[in-house]
C-alpha atoms as a PDB file:
ATOM      1  CA  MET A   1      -9.754  30.611 -15.724  1.00  0.00           C
ATOM      2  CA  PRO A   2      -6.493  30.941 -13.612  1.00  0.00           C
ATOM      3  CA  HIS A   3      -6.446  33.313 -10.478  1.00  0.00           C
ATOM      4  CA  THR A   4      -2.810  33.603  -9.471  1.00  0.00           C
ATOM      5  CA  LYS A   5      -0.004  35.392 -11.398  1.00  0.00           C
ATOM      6  CA  SER A   6       1.946  32.101 -11.787  1.00  0.00           C
ATOM      7  CA  ALA A   7      -1.060  30.237 -13.177  1.00  0.00           C
ATOM      8  CA  LYS A   8      -1.821  32.984 -15.708  1.00  0.00           C
ATOM      9  CA  LYS A   9       1.726  32.842 -16.894  1.00  0.00           C
ATOM     10  CA  SER A  10       1.587  29.107 -17.163  1.00  0.00           C
ATOM     11  CA  LEU A  11      -1.660  29.265 -19.267  1.00  0.00           C
ATOM     12  CA  ARG A  12       0.201  31.595 -21.614  1.00  0.00           C
ATOM     13  CA  GLN A  13       3.085  29.330 -21.974  1.00  0.00           C
ATOM     14  CA  ASP A  14       0.897  26.408 -22.533  1.00  0.00           C
ATOM     15  CA  GLN A  15      -1.020  28.136 -25.254  1.00  0.00           C
ATOM     16  CA  LYS A  16       2.397  29.247 -27.044  1.00  0.00           C
ATOM     17  CA  ARG A  17       3.733  25.448 -26.715  1.00  0.00           C
ATOM     18  CA  ARG A  18       0.412  24.198 -27.993  1.00  0.00           C
ATOM     19  CA  ASP A  19       0.485  26.376 -31.011  1.00  0.00           C
ATOM     20  CA  ARG A  20       4.137  25.661 -31.844  1.00  0.00           C
ATOM     21  CA  ASN A  21       3.609  21.786 -31.341  1.00  0.00           C
ATOM     22  CA  ARG A  22       0.573  22.050 -33.679  1.00  0.00           C
ATOM     23  CA  ALA A  23       2.632  23.831 -36.276  1.00  0.00           C
ATOM     24  CA  VAL A  24       5.340  21.127 -36.189  1.00  0.00           C
ATOM     25  CA  LYS A  25       2.949  18.346 -36.472  1.00  0.00           C
ATOM     26  CA  LYS A  26       1.063  20.125 -39.298  1.00  0.00           C
ATOM     27  CA  ALA A  27       4.292  20.579 -41.389  1.00  0.00           C
ATOM     28  CA  LEU A  28       5.235  16.977 -40.497  1.00  0.00           C
ATOM     29  CA  LYS A  29       1.929  15.794 -41.935  1.00  0.00           C
ATOM     30  CA  ALA A  30       2.534  17.837 -45.013  1.00  0.00           C
ATOM     31  CA  GLU A  31       5.902  16.338 -45.640  1.00  0.00           C
ATOM     32  CA  LEU A  32       4.560  12.775 -45.099  1.00  0.00           C
ATOM     33  CA  LYS A  33       1.865  13.410 -47.791  1.00  0.00           C
ATOM     34  CA  LYS A  34       4.552  14.594 -50.254  1.00  0.00           C
ATOM     35  CA  PHE A  35       6.609  11.315 -49.664  1.00  0.00           C
ATOM     36  CA  GLN A  36       3.603   9.280 -50.033  1.00  0.00           C
ATOM     37  CA  ALA A  37       2.570  10.999 -53.251  1.00  0.00           C
ATOM     38  CA  ALA A  38       6.128  10.432 -54.687  1.00  0.00           C
ATOM     39  CA  VAL A  39       6.170   6.792 -53.720  1.00  0.00           C
ATOM     40  CA  THR A  40       2.601   6.321 -55.247  1.00  0.00           C
ATOM     41  CA  ALA A  41       3.722   7.925 -58.351  1.00  0.00           C
ATOM     42  CA  GLY A  42       6.726   5.685 -58.574  1.00  0.00           C
ATOM     43  CA  ASN A  43       9.281   8.399 -58.846  1.00  0.00           C
ATOM     44  CA  ALA A  44      12.151   7.032 -57.091  1.00  0.00           C
ATOM     45  CA  ASP A  45      14.499  10.131 -57.043  1.00  0.00           C
ATOM     46  CA  ALA A  46      11.686  12.327 -55.849  1.00  0.00           C
ATOM     47  CA  ALA A  47      10.742   9.762 -53.162  1.00  0.00           C
ATOM     48  CA  LYS A  48      14.301   9.619 -51.933  1.00  0.00           C
ATOM     49  CA  THR A  49      14.714  13.412 -51.661  1.00  0.00           C
ATOM     50  CA  GLU A  50      11.178  13.653 -49.845  1.00  0.00           C
ATOM     51  CA  PHE A  51      12.302  10.804 -47.572  1.00  0.00           C
ATOM     52  CA  VAL A  52      15.303  12.916 -46.444  1.00  0.00           C
ATOM     53  CA  ALA A  53      13.177  15.793 -45.681  1.00  0.00           C
ATOM     54  CA  VAL A  54      10.638  13.744 -43.798  1.00  0.00           C
ATOM     55  CA  VAL A  55      13.360  12.049 -41.689  1.00  0.00           C
ATOM     56  CA  LYS A  56      14.784  15.519 -40.805  1.00  0.00           C
ATOM     57  CA  LYS A  57      11.310  16.823 -39.653  1.00  0.00           C
ATOM     58  CA  LEU A  58      10.891  13.703 -37.607  1.00  0.00           C
ATOM     59  CA  ASP A  59      14.234  13.951 -35.968  1.00  0.00           C
ATOM     60  CA  LYS A  60      13.535  17.654 -35.159  1.00  0.00           C
ATOM     61  CA  ALA A  61      10.162  16.993 -33.899  1.00  0.00           C
ATOM     62  CA  ALA A  62      11.458  14.094 -31.634  1.00  0.00           C
ATOM     63  CA  ALA A  63      14.241  16.380 -30.337  1.00  0.00           C
ATOM     64  CA  ARG A  64      11.877  18.974 -29.378  1.00  0.00           C
ATOM     65  CA  LYS A  65       9.721  16.333 -27.671  1.00  0.00           C
ATOM     66  CA  VAL A  66       6.769  17.244 -29.997  1.00  0.00           C
ATOM     67  CA  ILE A  67       6.412  13.511 -30.753  1.00  0.00           C
ATOM     68  CA  HIS A  68       7.889  10.672 -28.803  1.00  0.00           C
ATOM     69  CA  PRO A  69      11.483   9.626 -30.123  1.00  0.00           C
ATOM     70  CA  ASN A  70      10.229   5.922 -30.495  1.00  0.00           C
ATOM     71  CA  ALA A  71       7.295   6.992 -32.506  1.00  0.00           C
ATOM     72  CA  ALA A  72       9.861   8.890 -34.782  1.00  0.00           C
ATOM     73  CA  ALA A  73      11.930   5.914 -35.107  1.00  0.00           C
ATOM     74  CA  ARG A  74       9.079   3.651 -35.755  1.00  0.00           C
ATOM     75  CA  LYS A  75       7.737   5.986 -38.561  1.00  0.00           C
ATOM     76  CA  LYS A  76      11.224   6.432 -40.077  1.00  0.00           C
ATOM     77  CA  SER A  77      11.456   2.660 -40.329  1.00  0.00           C
ATOM     78  CA  GLN A  78       8.154   2.409 -41.969  1.00  0.00           C
ATOM     79  CA  LEU A  79       9.008   4.996 -44.576  1.00  0.00           C
ATOM     80  CA  ALA A  80      12.430   3.279 -45.291  1.00  0.00           C
ATOM     81  CA  ARG A  81      10.616   0.061 -45.987  1.00  0.00           C
ATOM     82  CA  GLN A  82       8.232   1.775 -48.513  1.00  0.00           C
ATOM     83  CA  LEU A  83      11.198   3.221 -50.175  1.00  0.00           C
ATOM     84  CA  ALA A  84      13.228  -0.087 -50.388  1.00  0.00           C
ATOM     85  CA  PRO A  85      12.800  -1.818 -53.726  1.00  0.00           C
ATOM     86  CA  LYS A  86      10.508  -4.862 -53.679  1.00  0.00           C
ATOM     87  CA  PRO A  87      12.262  -8.066 -53.883  1.00  0.00           C
ATOM     88  CA  ALA A  88      11.493 -10.267 -56.899  1.00  0.00           C
ATOM     89  CA  PRO A  89       9.451 -13.428 -56.069  1.00  0.00           C
ATOM     90  CA  ALA A  90      11.567 -16.441 -55.770  1.00  0.00           C
ATOM     91  CA  LYS A  91      11.129 -19.139 -58.292  1.00  0.00           C
ATOM     92  CA  ALA A  92      10.685 -22.745 -57.190  1.00  0.00           C
END
């Protein structure tokens, strides 16, 4: 346990930040699951709207330094590839 006044305040701040970060990550995971469900169901319109919502959550989380900006960019790229239509196999 902290002894000094500044250490006690720092502990309070850390707990607040941790709770806030956990809430943001939990909401992000929920949005990702909605997107995955829409993609799996094959509903293109729903998947597109969910994609926009997920990208917004990822950008906000990255801006607030909850997740690393590169991790957000990587995840957005992965999701965009899932959203893109699959190319037809080339005939030889």
